Amino acid sequence: MLLSQIAESEDERIVREFAYLLDACEAYQNVSSQSTSIQTISERFMGMKAAIITNNPGLKSFGGKLGLTVFPFNDLKGNEFSLSGSSTEFVTFELLKMLGFQEGKTLETSQFDLVFVHVGAGERVNAEGQKTIANDVEYIDALVDGIMRIAQPGSEIGSRLHLSLVMSYGYVTEGDGRDLSILTSEDEMDPALSKLFPLQSYTMKGEKPRNDVRYHCPMLISQWQYAVTRVDMAETFSFKDFKEHGGNLVIPADRFLHEVAFKLWKAPKYGA
């Protein structure tokens, strides 16, 4: 969860929300102020090798400053890495190879420990701008399906692969998003009595209450790792299903990378 900012462009929002996911808000602010003191992902997480695949110029620049290896979709190792539906099999193969998986086996070494794939609705696929991502959700479905088919439970890849899918609601005001609030009617209490109830851990940072929690339109995250990640009863990637049947409840967006790094043995217990 994170607060939306007033008077920012769509590209600025995308980079800011990515900065939250990487717990790099300070680095994002330093970029804006032209500061050079930015810690890389490798420096923060025990030498973790990470990459990002995106066509967004802002993410390319910010990811590079954080030490991520940057690949545009239409130029990965000289190959056509496009977002057309027919390319998902190739994309799946390339992604797994980058992580050290090939032909159903685990290689002795891997190019990266973690790869971010950014798919943004309406973005241009190639330099000429002839195609846009018209069916971005269908593309993500096909990509996840391809990965899950290869990383079957009990397989060599399935026991070692961690997959996270994060969806942002973009710019939505609190008034527009009341139907997408994580709060329930029981949470709506008399303000005079609010101090009598304990605060949820996600509303605190250290010993101080957080002032950047967005209760409406949160980013949705689904995680899969065979025999490790807890299983919930949600069957669809939707806010309603997550709220009613999800088992992971709520964490601040800036704890996401700490959790993933912990699962990759690149961070100590992330905690709340």
Protein backbone atom coordinates (compact mmCIF):
# COMPACT_ATOMS: atom_id res chain seq x y z
CA MET A 1 0.00 0.00 0.00
CA LEU A 2 1.20 3.44 -0.77
CA LEU A 3 -0.08 6.96 -1.12
CA SER A 4 -0.67 8.45 -4.54
CA GLN A 5 0.94 11.80 -5.18
CA ILE A 6 -0.81 14.88 -6.56
CA ALA A 7 0.36 16.49 -9.82
CA GLU A 8 2.56 13.70 -11.16
CA SER A 9 2.62 12.21 -14.63
CA GLU A 10 1.79 8.57 -15.36
CA ASP A 11 5.47 7.78 -15.95
CA GLU A 12 6.40 9.44 -12.64
CA ARG A 13 3.76 7.36 -10.85
CA ILE A 14 5.13 4.14 -12.37
CA VAL A 15 8.68 4.90 -11.25
CA ARG A 16 7.55 6.05 -7.79
CA GLU A 17 5.54 2.87 -7.20
CA PHE A 18 8.47 0.75 -8.39
CA ALA A 19 10.66 2.66 -5.92
CA TYR A 20 8.25 1.68 -3.14
CA LEU A 21 8.45 -1.99 -4.12
CA LEU A 22 12.25 -1.83 -3.93
CA ASP A 23 12.19 0.18 -0.66
CA ALA A 24 14.10 2.83 -2.56
CA CYS A 25 12.01 5.95 -1.95
CA GLU A 26 15.05 7.81 -0.68
CA ALA A 27 16.93 6.87 -3.84
CA TYR A 28 13.96 8.07 -5.91
CA GLN A 29 14.06 11.42 -4.12
CA ASN A 30 17.84 11.59 -4.56
CA VAL A 31 17.43 11.04 -8.30
CA SER A 32 15.06 13.98 -8.40
CA SER A 33 17.62 16.10 -6.54
CA GLN A 34 20.53 14.81 -8.72
CA SER A 35 22.25 13.21 -5.70
CA THR A 36 24.85 10.52 -6.47
CA SER A 37 24.70 8.66 -3.14
CA ILE A 38 22.43 5.77 -4.16
CA GLN A 39 22.92 2.23 -2.81
CA THR A 40 22.54 -0.50 -5.39
CA ILE A 41 20.39 -3.60 -4.95
CA SER A 42 23.58 -5.68 -4.85
CA GLU A 43 25.00 -3.58 -2.01
CA ARG A 44 21.78 -3.79 0.00
CA PHE A 45 21.02 -7.49 -0.49
CA MET A 46 24.16 -9.59 -0.15
CA GLY A 47 25.39 -9.27 -3.74
CA MET A 48 22.04 -10.06 -5.31
CA LYS A 49 22.16 -9.92 -9.12
CA ALA A 50 18.97 -8.37 -10.47
CA ALA A 51 17.63 -7.26 -13.85
CA ILE A 52 14.57 -5.48 -15.16
CA ILE A 53 12.87 -5.92 -18.53
CA THR A 54 10.84 -2.87 -19.50
CA ASN A 55 10.15 -0.39 -22.27
CA ASN A 56 9.42 2.47 -19.86
CA PRO A 57 12.17 5.13 -20.11
CA GLY A 58 11.79 6.20 -16.48
CA LEU A 59 12.13 2.64 -15.19
CA LYS A 60 15.13 2.03 -17.43
CA SER A 61 16.92 5.06 -15.97
CA PHE A 62 15.92 4.47 -12.35
CA GLY A 63 16.62 0.72 -12.52
CA GLY A 64 20.08 1.41 -13.92
CA LYS A 65 20.85 3.81 -11.07
CA LEU A 66 19.90 1.07 -8.59
CA GLY A 67 22.33 -1.33 -10.22
CA LEU A 68 19.78 -3.42 -12.12
CA THR A 69 20.78 -4.71 -15.54
CA VAL A 70 18.24 -3.19 -17.94
CA PHE A 71 16.78 -4.97 -20.97
CA PRO A 72 14.20 -3.37 -23.28
CA PHE A 73 11.50 -5.79 -24.45
CA ASN A 74 12.42 -5.48 -28.10
CA ASP A 75 16.15 -6.01 -27.67
CA LEU A 76 17.20 -8.83 -25.35
CA LYS A 77 20.53 -10.27 -26.46
CA GLY A 78 19.72 -9.13 -29.99
CA ASN A 79 16.52 -11.16 -30.13
CA GLU A 80 12.98 -9.95 -30.69
CA PHE A 81 11.62 -9.87 -27.14
CA SER A 82 8.23 -8.45 -28.01
CA LEU A 83 4.90 -8.46 -26.22
CA SER A 84 2.97 -10.26 -28.94
CA GLY A 85 0.96 -13.25 -27.83
CA SER A 86 3.01 -15.59 -30.02
CA SER A 87 6.23 -14.68 -28.19
CA THR A 88 5.31 -15.88 -24.70
CA GLU A 89 6.96 -19.29 -25.17
CA PHE A 90 10.21 -17.61 -26.17
CA VAL A 91 9.94 -15.06 -23.34
CA THR A 92 9.36 -17.83 -20.80
CA PHE A 93 12.40 -19.73 -22.08
CA GLU A 94 14.61 -16.62 -21.92
CA LEU A 95 13.43 -15.60 -18.44
CA LEU A 96 14.09 -19.04 -16.96
CA LYS A 97 17.49 -19.21 -18.68
CA MET A 98 18.45 -15.87 -17.14
CA LEU A 99 17.60 -17.35 -13.72
CA GLY A 100 19.66 -20.50 -14.32
CA PHE A 101 16.94 -22.89 -15.50
CA GLN A 102 17.08 -24.65 -18.86
CA GLU A 103 15.36 -27.72 -20.33
CA GLY A 104 13.75 -28.52 -16.99
CA LYS A 105 17.09 -28.54 -15.17
CA THR A 106 18.93 -26.20 -12.81
CA LEU A 107 22.22 -24.93 -14.22
CA GLU A 108 25.32 -24.67 -12.04
CA THR A 109 25.38 -20.89 -12.40
CA SER A 110 22.81 -18.23 -13.20
CA GLN A 111 23.09 -14.81 -14.78
CA PHE A 112 20.64 -13.30 -12.28
CA ASP A 113 19.05 -14.10 -8.93
CA LEU A 114 15.99 -11.96 -9.60
CA VAL A 115 14.36 -10.59 -12.77
CA PHE A 116 11.62 -7.94 -12.83
CA VAL A 117 9.31 -7.94 -15.87
CA HIS A 118 7.32 -4.72 -16.23
CA VAL A 119 4.23 -4.78 -18.43
CA GLY A 120 2.37 -1.47 -18.65
CA ALA A 121 -1.01 -1.01 -20.32
CA GLY A 122 -0.83 1.05 -23.49
CA GLU A 123 2.97 1.21 -23.70
CA ARG A 124 4.69 1.11 -27.09
CA VAL A 125 6.30 -2.18 -28.01
CA ASN A 126 8.76 -0.94 -30.62
CA ALA A 127 10.56 2.24 -31.55
CA GLU A 128 8.19 2.98 -34.44
CA GLY A 129 5.22 2.82 -32.09
CA GLN A 130 3.27 0.60 -34.46
CA LYS A 131 1.97 -1.68 -31.74
CA THR A 132 0.74 -1.17 -28.21
CA ILE A 133 0.01 -3.64 -25.47
CA ALA A 134 -3.68 -3.95 -26.23
CA ASN A 135 -4.15 -7.15 -24.30
CA ASP A 136 -1.67 -6.74 -21.45
CA VAL A 137 -3.71 -8.85 -19.02
CA GLU A 138 -4.01 -11.67 -21.55
CA TYR A 139 -0.25 -11.46 -22.13
CA ILE A 140 0.49 -11.72 -18.40
CA ASP A 141 -1.91 -14.68 -18.12
CA ALA A 142 -0.09 -16.45 -20.96
CA LEU A 143 3.34 -15.70 -19.51
CA VAL A 144 2.44 -16.93 -16.01
CA ASP A 145 0.75 -20.00 -17.50
CA GLY A 146 3.91 -20.81 -19.48
CA ILE A 147 6.11 -20.53 -16.39
CA MET A 148 3.74 -22.62 -14.25
CA ARG A 149 3.56 -25.36 -16.87
CA ILE A 150 7.35 -25.72 -16.85
CA ALA A 151 7.81 -25.31 -13.07
CA GLN A 152 5.38 -28.04 -12.05
CA PRO A 153 5.27 -28.99 -8.34
CA GLY A 154 7.85 -31.67 -7.67
CA SER A 155 10.01 -30.74 -10.64
CA GLU A 156 13.60 -29.56 -10.27
CA ILE A 157 12.63 -26.04 -11.33
CA GLY A 158 9.42 -25.98 -9.30
CA SER A 159 11.28 -26.55 -6.05
CA ARG A 160 13.63 -23.61 -6.67
CA LEU A 161 11.58 -20.95 -8.45
CA HIS A 162 9.80 -18.08 -6.67
CA LEU A 163 7.21 -16.18 -8.71
CA SER A 164 5.54 -12.93 -7.63
CA LEU A 165 2.86 -11.12 -9.62
CA VAL A 166 2.09 -7.52 -8.63
CA MET A 167 -0.71 -5.41 -10.09
CA SER A 168 -1.01 -1.68 -9.50
CA TYR A 169 -4.32 0.16 -9.68
CA GLY A 170 -2.56 3.31 -10.87
CA TYR A 171 -3.92 6.74 -10.07
CA VAL A 172 -7.24 6.46 -8.26
CA THR A 173 -8.47 8.96 -5.69
CA GLU A 174 -9.77 7.80 -2.33
CA GLY A 175 -13.29 8.85 -3.23
CA ASP A 176 -13.19 6.82 -6.43
CA GLY A 177 -11.88 3.73 -4.71
CA ARG A 178 -14.13 3.17 -1.71
CA ASP A 179 -15.26 -0.16 -3.14
CA LEU A 180 -11.59 -1.18 -3.29
CA SER A 181 -10.70 -0.47 0.34
CA ILE A 182 -9.02 -3.03 2.59
CA LEU A 183 -10.94 -1.66 5.56
CA THR A 184 -14.18 -3.34 6.61
CA SER A 185 -17.22 -1.84 8.27
CA GLU A 186 -15.89 -3.05 11.62
CA ASP A 187 -12.83 -0.83 11.11
CA GLU A 188 -14.94 2.31 10.78
CA MET A 189 -15.10 3.44 14.38
CA ASP A 190 -15.62 6.64 16.27
CA PRO A 191 -12.36 8.64 15.96
CA ALA A 192 -12.56 9.39 19.68
CA LEU A 193 -12.28 5.64 20.40
CA SER A 194 -9.58 4.83 17.84
CA LYS A 195 -6.73 5.20 20.36
CA LEU A 196 -8.21 2.41 22.47
CA PHE A 197 -7.56 -0.17 19.74
CA PRO A 198 -4.10 -1.57 18.90
CA LEU A 199 -2.59 -0.55 15.56
CA GLN A 200 -1.94 -3.16 12.89
CA SER A 201 1.77 -3.83 12.34
CA TYR A 202 1.66 -2.62 8.74
CA THR A 203 0.63 0.85 9.96
CA MET A 204 3.85 1.20 11.97
CA LYS A 205 7.48 1.73 11.01
CA GLY A 206 9.70 1.11 14.00
CA GLU A 207 7.84 2.72 16.89
CA LYS A 208 6.18 5.43 14.83
CA PRO A 209 2.89 5.31 12.88
CA ARG A 210 3.32 5.44 9.11
CA ASN A 211 1.80 8.37 7.25
CA ASP A 212 2.04 6.83 3.77
CA VAL A 213 -0.48 3.99 4.03
CA ARG A 214 -3.14 3.90 1.33
CA TYR A 215 -6.18 1.87 2.39
CA HIS A 216 -8.01 2.21 -0.93
CA CYS A 217 -6.94 0.57 -4.20
CA PRO A 218 -3.89 -1.27 -2.84
CA MET A 219 -1.38 -2.99 -5.11
CA LEU A 220 -2.30 -6.68 -5.37
CA ILE A 221 0.40 -9.30 -5.02
CA SER A 222 0.20 -13.03 -5.64
CA GLN A 223 3.15 -15.29 -4.79
CA TRP A 224 3.92 -18.88 -5.70
CA GLN A 225 6.74 -21.10 -4.51
CA TYR A 226 6.17 -24.82 -4.24
CA ALA A 227 6.16 -26.15 -0.65
CA VAL A 228 7.27 -22.80 0.79
CA THR A 229 4.78 -19.97 0.34
CA ARG A 230 1.54 -20.32 2.26
CA VAL A 231 -1.51 -21.27 0.19
CA ASP A 232 -4.74 -19.30 0.27
CA MET A 233 -8.22 -19.95 -1.10
CA ALA A 234 -8.27 -17.17 -3.73
CA GLU A 235 -8.94 -18.49 -7.23
CA THR A 236 -8.84 -15.28 -9.29
CA PHE A 237 -6.47 -12.30 -9.41
CA SER A 238 -9.08 -9.80 -8.24
CA PHE A 239 -9.46 -7.45 -5.29
CA LYS A 240 -12.76 -9.05 -4.20
CA ASP A 241 -11.36 -12.58 -4.18
CA PHE A 242 -8.16 -11.50 -2.41
CA LYS A 243 -10.09 -9.66 0.31
CA GLU A 244 -12.55 -12.49 0.93
CA HIS A 245 -10.31 -15.55 0.50
CA GLY A 246 -6.69 -14.40 0.54
CA GLY A 247 -4.34 -15.68 3.24
CA ASN A 248 -1.43 -13.23 3.04
CA LEU A 249 -3.41 -10.22 4.26
CA VAL A 250 -1.55 -6.89 4.13
CA ILE A 251 2.08 -5.74 4.04
CA PRO A 252 3.44 -2.30 3.10
CA ALA A 253 4.70 -2.11 -0.48
CA ASP A 254 8.22 -1.27 0.71
CA ARG A 255 8.50 -4.67 2.45
CA PHE A 256 8.01 -6.58 -0.82
CA LEU A 257 11.65 -6.84 -1.92
CA HIS A 258 12.80 -7.68 1.61
CA GLU A 259 10.40 -10.64 1.62
CA VAL A 260 11.53 -11.85 -1.80
CA ALA A 261 15.22 -11.39 -0.91
CA PHE A 262 14.68 -13.45 2.24
CA LYS A 263 13.22 -16.29 0.17
CA LEU A 264 16.28 -16.06 -2.10
CA TRP A 265 18.68 -16.27 0.87
CA LYS A 266 19.80 -12.69 0.19
CA ALA A 267 18.46 -11.06 3.36
CA PRO A 268 17.90 -11.91 7.03
CA LYS A 269 14.34 -12.38 8.29
CA TYR A 270 12.45 -9.37 6.94
CA GLY A 271 9.95 -9.10 9.83
CA ALA A 272 7.04 -6.71 10.03
